[in-house]
Amino acid sequence: MKEVDEGGTYAHGLLFDHSLQLASETRRGGPQTTGEPLQAESRPLLGSSVPTALHPETLVIVPAWNECANIAATVAEIREQPEQFEVLVVDDGSTDGTGAVAAAAGARVLTLPFNMGVGGAMRAGFTYAQRHGFQRAIQVDADGQHNPRDIAAVLAGLDTADISIGARFADVGDYSAKGPRRWAMKLLAGVLSRVAKTTLTDVTSGFRAANAVAIDQYVRYYPAEYLGDTVDSLVNALHAGLTVTQVPVAMRPRAFGRPSQNPIGATVYLTRSVFALSLALMRGPARPVEAAAS
């Protein structure tokens, strides 16, 4: 990845190239197959053992930053599903041993040498999916809030759309948001429903799946800024002509740790949400890589 565009830098491209090259060697049974970290200055990758019976088309991408208390259970639940998928944990510069725990749980682990945020981690995951020919990819959060039992339902949305969102606020489960945070979510959903020409209730959900067309789009452009991995990436995909649907899911509370929700934080969320949406709508579609380089 040597492109330069709004979603990443040349340095990030080199990082992904180095990490994904080593990931490819591990996937082919090359020099690193034990799940132990490579001894390199940038710590670009952890390889790991993976299940022998894998779905040939679907990659589950789990972005993780300091989730050592949750990641093993999350990987185990994904692997327990009737349809076996390849699980890629993108260790986003963790300092608590998240990558080693994930590898021990049976996931393949791609380790970034510093924290790049969910957007950077997911772009690395989508690049891995594209380079290895996966036809579908789905994001599952490391903290246990996304129920792996719903993976099949969210993937089923790809039968009729390019992107499928596992949505809260769709008459399933008891998840609720209050005050400014709820207002922001409703505003974002209302505006993007108009853009998508369909009803969307939860455009900030990270529990979403992409087909091969969407994977290619995300490799070219997947922003790392605040809300970029959800709102901005969705707006850009819609501008590029991709279709979106949603599937009702029930979110769970974090198994360990606590989310940051307080009145001040909620107000900041509202303000930044409106700004992020406005910026995404004004920006227009990302230029193709070839056009950006010329």
Foldseek 3Di string as FASTA:
>chain_A
DCFDFQADHNVLVVLLVVLLVVQVCCVVVHDAPDQDFDPDPLSFFGFAAADPQADLAEEEEEEDAQLLVQQLVVLLQLCPDPHHHAYEYEYQCHDNCNSSSNRVSHHTYGYGSHHLAPLSSVLSVLVSSLVSNHFKYWYDYRQQFDRSVCLVVQVVVVVPFFKEAADEPPPDADDDDDDLLQVLQQVLQVVVCVLQVHHDRGQLGRGMMGGNVLSVLSNQHQHRDVSSNGRLSSLQCSLVPTHYDYDYDYTDAGPDDHDDDDPVVSVVVNVVSVVVNVCSNVVGHIDGSVVSVD
